[in-house]
Protein backbone atom coordinates (compact mmCIF):
# COMPACT_ATOMS: atom_id res chain seq x y z
CA UNK A 1 83.72 135.38 26.41
CA UNK A 2 84.64 136.78 29.46
CA UNK A 3 87.19 135.37 32.44
CA UNK A 4 86.02 132.29 34.19
CA UNK A 5 84.96 133.40 37.83
CA UNK A 6 84.91 130.75 40.48
CA UNK A 7 82.45 130.89 43.08
CA UNK A 8 83.04 129.02 46.88
CA UNK A 9 80.12 127.82 48.09
CA UNK A 10 80.25 125.44 51.37
CA UNK A 11 76.71 123.14 51.96
CA UNK A 12 76.34 121.37 55.10
CA UNK A 13 73.84 119.47 56.04
CA UNK A 14 73.09 116.03 57.67
CA UNK A 15 70.83 113.34 55.48
CA UNK A 16 71.55 113.31 51.83
CA UNK A 17 68.67 113.36 49.35
CA UNK A 18 69.97 115.70 46.45
CA UNK A 19 71.23 118.68 45.98
CA UNK A 20 70.06 121.26 43.18
CA UNK A 21 71.13 124.43 41.60
CA UNK A 22 68.47 126.86 41.08
CA UNK A 23 68.04 130.25 39.57
CA UNK A 24 64.67 131.22 40.49
CA UNK A 25 62.13 129.72 42.55
CA UNK A 26 61.20 127.23 39.53
CA UNK A 27 63.48 125.21 37.24
CA UNK A 28 63.77 127.31 33.71
CA UNK A 29 63.88 125.00 30.73
CA UNK A 30 65.81 127.06 28.99
CA UNK A 31 69.21 126.86 31.37
CA UNK A 32 71.70 123.83 30.87
CA UNK A 33 74.62 122.97 33.02
CA UNK A 34 77.83 122.37 30.25
CA UNK A 35 79.50 120.14 32.57
CA UNK A 36 79.25 118.54 36.48
CA UNK A 37 81.94 116.90 38.28
CA UNK A 38 81.39 115.03 41.62
CA UNK A 39 84.43 114.04 44.10
CA UNK A 40 82.87 112.05 46.53
CA UNK A 41 85.55 111.49 49.94
CA UNK A 42 84.81 108.25 51.49
CA UNK A 43 88.08 108.43 54.01
CA UNK A 44 86.54 108.57 56.87
CA UNK A 45 83.06 108.41 58.81
CA UNK A 46 82.04 111.96 57.45
CA UNK A 47 81.71 111.94 53.74
CA UNK A 48 82.97 114.66 51.47
CA UNK A 49 81.56 116.25 48.47
CA UNK A 50 83.35 117.94 46.39
CA UNK A 51 80.88 119.70 43.27
CA UNK A 52 81.87 121.48 40.13
CA UNK A 53 79.14 122.92 37.94
CA UNK A 54 80.36 125.06 35.03
CA UNK A 55 77.71 127.81 33.16
CA UNK A 56 77.56 131.16 32.08
CA UNK A 57 76.74 133.91 34.12
CA UNK A 58 78.12 137.97 34.94
CA UNK A 59 78.35 136.91 38.31
CA UNK A 60 81.55 137.06 40.64
CA UNK A 61 80.71 137.23 43.92
CA UNK A 62 79.77 134.64 46.93
CA UNK A 63 75.81 133.34 46.53
CA UNK A 64 73.17 133.69 48.71
CA UNK A 65 71.58 129.84 49.40
CA UNK A 66 68.97 129.00 51.39
CA UNK A 67 66.55 125.69 51.49
CA UNK A 68 63.38 126.16 49.05
CA UNK A 69 59.84 124.22 48.63
CA UNK A 70 59.16 123.56 45.18
CA UNK A 71 56.69 120.76 43.78
CA UNK A 72 57.82 117.41 44.60
CA UNK A 73 60.76 116.15 42.28
CA UNK A 74 61.39 112.32 42.02
CA UNK A 75 63.65 110.53 44.85
CA UNK A 76 63.08 112.41 47.37
CA UNK A 77 64.16 115.79 45.98
CA UNK A 78 65.50 118.80 48.29
CA UNK A 79 65.93 121.84 46.72
CA UNK A 80 68.31 124.33 47.52
CA UNK A 81 68.23 127.82 46.20
CA UNK A 82 70.79 129.76 45.09
CA UNK A 83 70.71 133.26 44.07
CA UNK A 84 72.62 134.96 41.21
CA UNK A 85 73.33 138.69 41.07
CA UNK A 86 72.57 139.20 37.60
CA UNK A 87 70.10 137.09 35.27
CA UNK A 88 72.21 134.73 33.47
CA UNK A 89 73.56 136.38 29.91
CA UNK A 90 75.32 135.24 26.97
CA UNK A 91 78.90 134.79 26.70
CA UNK A 92 79.67 134.75 30.24
CA UNK A 93 81.44 132.21 32.06
CA UNK A 94 80.97 131.13 35.42
CA UNK A 95 81.84 128.25 37.58
CA UNK A 96 80.42 126.84 40.79
CA UNK A 97 81.87 124.60 43.61
CA UNK A 98 80.17 122.78 46.44
CA UNK A 99 81.14 121.40 49.06
CA UNK A 100 79.21 119.63 51.46
CA UNK A 101 79.27 116.77 54.41
CA UNK A 102 76.98 113.95 55.08
CA UNK A 103 76.72 112.40 58.54
CA UNK A 104 75.58 108.63 59.02
CA UNK A 105 75.76 108.01 55.49
CA UNK A 106 78.01 104.88 55.70
CA UNK A 107 76.36 101.74 56.98
CA UNK A 108 78.31 98.75 58.38
CA UNK A 109 77.78 95.89 56.97
CA UNK A 110 78.30 93.53 58.34
CA UNK A 111 76.67 94.57 61.32
CA UNK A 112 78.82 93.08 63.91
CA UNK A 113 82.68 91.85 63.83
CA UNK A 114 85.36 90.48 65.90
CA UNK A 115 88.68 92.74 66.51
CA UNK A 116 90.53 91.17 64.67
CA UNK A 117 88.08 91.22 61.25
CA UNK A 118 88.33 94.51 59.23
CA UNK A 119 85.13 96.80 58.77
CA UNK A 120 83.18 96.63 56.01
CA UNK A 121 80.96 99.63 54.86
CA UNK A 122 78.02 100.62 52.39
CA UNK A 123 77.96 103.64 50.75
CA UNK A 124 74.76 104.31 48.76
CA UNK A 125 74.14 107.12 45.81
CA UNK A 126 73.40 107.95 42.12
CA UNK A 127 75.95 107.34 39.79
CA UNK A 128 74.44 110.63 37.95
CA UNK A 129 74.21 114.07 39.22
CA UNK A 130 70.32 114.77 40.31
CA UNK A 131 68.99 117.97 38.74
CA UNK A 132 66.15 120.15 37.17
CA UNK A 133 68.15 120.81 34.46
CA UNK A 134 69.61 118.78 31.83
CA UNK A 135 73.44 118.25 32.10
CA UNK A 136 75.97 118.28 28.98
CA UNK A 137 78.81 116.04 30.66
CA UNK A 138 79.02 114.78 33.54
CA UNK A 139 81.27 112.37 36.21
CA UNK A 140 81.83 110.93 39.52
CA UNK A 141 84.73 109.93 41.37
CA UNK A 142 84.64 108.23 44.93
CA UNK A 143 87.68 107.89 46.92
CA UNK A 144 87.87 104.88 49.07
CA UNK A 145 90.66 104.83 52.29
CA UNK A 146 91.74 101.47 50.92
CA UNK A 147 92.07 99.27 47.71
CA UNK A 148 90.26 96.63 49.06
CA UNK A 149 86.45 97.28 47.31
CA UNK A 150 84.21 93.94 48.15
CA UNK A 151 81.53 95.13 45.12
CA UNK A 152 80.36 98.09 43.01
CA UNK A 153 77.00 98.96 40.89
CA UNK A 154 78.18 98.90 37.69
CA UNK A 155 76.71 101.97 35.35
CA UNK A 156 78.32 101.72 32.25
CA UNK A 157 80.97 103.45 31.58
CA UNK A 158 81.97 102.79 35.00
CA UNK A 159 85.42 101.33 36.40
CA UNK A 160 87.93 101.44 39.52
CA UNK A 161 91.91 102.29 39.73
CA UNK A 162 93.35 101.05 42.77
CA UNK A 163 91.31 103.38 45.47
CA UNK A 164 89.18 105.33 43.30
CA UNK A 165 86.35 104.57 41.11
CA UNK A 166 84.61 106.50 38.32
CA UNK A 167 81.37 106.58 36.89
CA UNK A 168 80.97 108.08 33.95
CA UNK A 169 81.46 110.36 31.28
CA UNK A 170 77.85 110.07 30.67
CA UNK A 171 76.66 112.51 27.98
CA UNK A 172 73.75 114.28 27.54
CA UNK A 173 71.61 113.74 30.33
CA UNK A 174 68.10 114.72 31.00
CA UNK A 175 66.47 116.64 34.24
CA UNK A 176 65.92 114.48 37.07
CA UNK A 177 68.39 111.37 35.56
CA UNK A 178 69.25 109.11 38.71
CA UNK A 179 70.98 105.71 38.53
CA UNK A 180 71.21 103.93 42.11
CA UNK A 181 74.99 102.68 43.02
CA UNK A 182 76.07 100.53 46.28
CA UNK A 183 79.42 100.32 46.68
CA UNK A 184 80.74 97.85 49.71
CA UNK A 185 84.06 98.67 50.85
CA UNK A 186 86.84 98.33 53.74
CA UNK A 187 87.11 101.66 55.97
CA UNK A 188 88.24 101.03 59.46
CA UNK A 189 88.78 104.52 60.71
CA UNK A 190 87.26 105.55 63.45
CA UNK A 191 83.36 105.96 63.87
CA UNK A 192 83.57 108.04 66.73
CA UNK A 193 80.09 110.32 67.16
CA UNK A 194 79.74 112.80 70.01
CA UNK A 195 76.21 112.56 70.51
CA UNK A 196 76.15 115.00 73.19
CA UNK A 197 78.78 117.66 73.75
CA UNK A 198 78.74 120.12 77.03
CA UNK A 199 81.05 123.14 77.22
CA UNK A 200 81.33 125.15 80.20
CA UNK A 201 84.17 127.56 80.39
CA UNK A 202 83.73 130.01 83.68
CA UNK A 203 85.84 133.19 83.35
CA UNK A 204 87.31 134.60 86.60
CA UNK A 205 87.91 138.48 87.42
CA UNK A 206 91.06 137.28 89.15
CA UNK A 207 93.34 136.26 86.00
CA UNK A 208 91.80 132.56 85.20
CA UNK A 209 89.40 130.91 83.14
CA UNK A 210 88.36 127.06 83.49
CA UNK A 211 86.85 125.38 80.89
CA UNK A 212 85.02 121.71 81.07
CA UNK A 213 83.55 119.31 78.75
CA UNK A 214 81.82 116.85 79.13
CA UNK A 215 80.93 114.18 76.23
CA UNK A 216 78.14 111.50 75.10
CA UNK A 217 80.67 109.57 72.69
CA UNK A 218 79.38 105.86 71.04
CA UNK A 219 80.80 104.55 68.37
CA UNK A 220 78.59 104.16 65.16
CA UNK A 221 81.10 101.80 63.22
CA UNK A 222 79.93 97.62 63.07
CA UNK A 223 79.13 96.41 66.78
CA UNK A 224 81.95 94.31 68.59
CA UNK A 225 81.44 90.38 69.14
CA UNK A 226 81.95 89.17 72.40
CA UNK A 227 83.28 91.72 75.60
CA UNK A 228 85.99 94.10 73.64
CA UNK A 229 88.70 94.63 75.79
CA UNK A 230 87.73 98.58 76.37
CA UNK A 231 84.69 97.76 78.51
CA UNK A 232 84.91 97.41 82.19
CA UNK A 233 84.13 93.86 83.50
CA UNK A 234 83.25 94.44 86.96
CA UNK A 235 81.10 97.41 88.49
CA UNK A 236 82.11 100.83 89.42
CA UNK A 237 80.75 103.92 91.44
CA UNK A 238 79.97 106.57 89.83
CA UNK A 239 80.62 109.76 91.80
CA UNK A 240 80.51 113.76 91.30
CA UNK A 241 77.24 114.17 89.29
CA UNK A 242 76.82 117.70 90.71
CA UNK A 243 78.85 120.63 90.29
CA UNK A 244 78.70 123.30 93.27
CA UNK A 245 80.13 126.76 92.97
CA UNK A 246 80.76 128.00 96.94
CA UNK A 247 81.26 131.60 95.72
CA UNK A 248 78.33 132.45 93.92
CA UNK A 249 75.92 134.34 95.83
CA UNK A 250 73.70 136.02 93.52
CA UNK A 251 74.43 133.30 90.34
CA UNK A 252 76.65 133.80 87.03
CA UNK A 253 75.01 135.15 83.96
CA UNK A 254 75.19 131.75 81.41
CA UNK A 255 75.19 132.30 77.78
CA UNK A 256 73.97 128.90 75.75
CA UNK A 257 75.07 128.32 72.04
CA UNK A 258 73.82 125.24 70.71
CA UNK A 259 74.74 123.53 67.15
CA UNK A 260 72.71 120.33 65.95
CA UNK A 261 75.22 117.68 63.43
CA UNK A 262 78.69 119.51 64.20
CA UNK A 263 81.13 118.55 61.48
CA UNK A 264 84.84 119.68 61.74
CA UNK A 265 83.81 122.56 58.80
CA UNK A 266 81.88 124.04 61.38
CA UNK A 267 85.01 124.92 63.62
CA UNK A 268 85.27 128.68 63.96
CA UNK A 269 86.42 131.06 66.33
CA UNK A 270 83.82 133.83 68.19
CA UNK A 271 84.59 136.52 70.33
CA UNK A 272 81.96 137.16 73.59
CA UNK A 273 81.78 141.10 75.00
CA UNK A 274 80.53 142.07 78.33
CA UNK A 275 80.88 144.65 81.15
CA UNK A 276 81.17 143.75 85.19
CA UNK A 277 81.14 146.17 87.70
CA UNK A 278 83.95 146.28 89.49
CA UNK A 279 81.42 146.37 92.69
CA UNK A 280 80.28 142.91 92.37
CA UNK A 281 84.19 141.55 92.93
CA UNK A 282 84.21 142.47 96.64
CA UNK A 283 81.43 139.63 97.47
CA UNK A 284 83.93 136.85 96.44
CA UNK A 285 87.11 137.83 97.60
CA UNK A 286 85.99 139.13 101.52
CA UNK A 287 84.44 135.52 101.64
CA UNK A 288 87.72 134.29 101.56
CA UNK A 289 90.24 137.09 103.48
CA UNK A 290 88.50 138.59 106.25
CA UNK A 291 91.52 137.55 108.42
CA UNK A 292 93.74 139.40 106.28
CA UNK A 293 92.00 142.48 105.42
CA UNK A 294 94.63 144.58 106.18
CA UNK A 295 97.06 143.63 103.51
CA UNK A 296 94.52 143.91 100.83
CA UNK A 297 94.55 146.70 97.90
CA UNK A 298 90.91 147.18 95.62
CA UNK A 299 92.47 150.18 93.59
CA UNK A 300 91.99 147.95 90.22
CA UNK A 301 88.29 147.67 91.14
CA UNK A 302 87.50 150.89 89.52
CA UNK A 303 88.10 149.73 85.97
CA UNK A 304 85.76 148.28 83.96
CA UNK A 305 86.60 144.46 82.48
CA UNK A 306 86.08 143.88 78.75
CA UNK A 307 86.76 140.06 78.59
CA UNK A 308 87.30 138.52 75.02
CA UNK A 309 87.32 134.95 74.44
CA UNK A 310 88.65 133.23 71.50
CA UNK A 311 87.48 129.76 70.83
């Protein structure tokens, strides 16, 4: 038997219904998952799920993953197609490791609390991994921020120790096995959600970069009873709703990058390259230095400017 190959995949999506492993455009009745283990991290308002699936295969490189449309499955199944580099063969072992994030999956209950009360939330899922293939053995582990768990659905075997809740192991589960569970637990972490973020990066060809960020921040956790101290108890004026650039004469090129439902794992560096003709640099400084022309030198304006920005 060949050595175990580990493939690390990152699946990031917002609304969780289910995730399925596919080796072709339709589930094959001959395939079977040997073991499946889920570890669900509930320590923040972004739920992290680590999934390990073990099966036979010869592949050792990252796999292509994309959504796919198949006939409707039970329980609102949403399919993701994983392309194996080679067909599944006998005697070769493979381990698939999948990481995905769930946003807006924790429901505050009660919906309103006072400042002195702890925040309790609901998490809904299935004790069994939803898959179009039979699974020989599987288990699910949930990690809570504290040991305070008000209640949880019991699907035997199930137990709890300190901050960890375990469902399983379950043996010989048929395809699309589904056992809904609800966990009611304490989570006092900040449920901060940025509904909109606009970052403006202004590049000066005279050696400076100005970064301005505009946040629309909301609290997605339990509402506060009464008037929280963070709210200003009197009306205030808001000014500077428009931004003017007095040096612009022909306008500036703007590059806009948009991404919805962002989580910290989306953070990645990128670079912006561009060329700027030095002749255009004369427009701005001459507007401000007309009284001191004899002291100016424009020798450097003959260069082509390459700018590199790392974020």
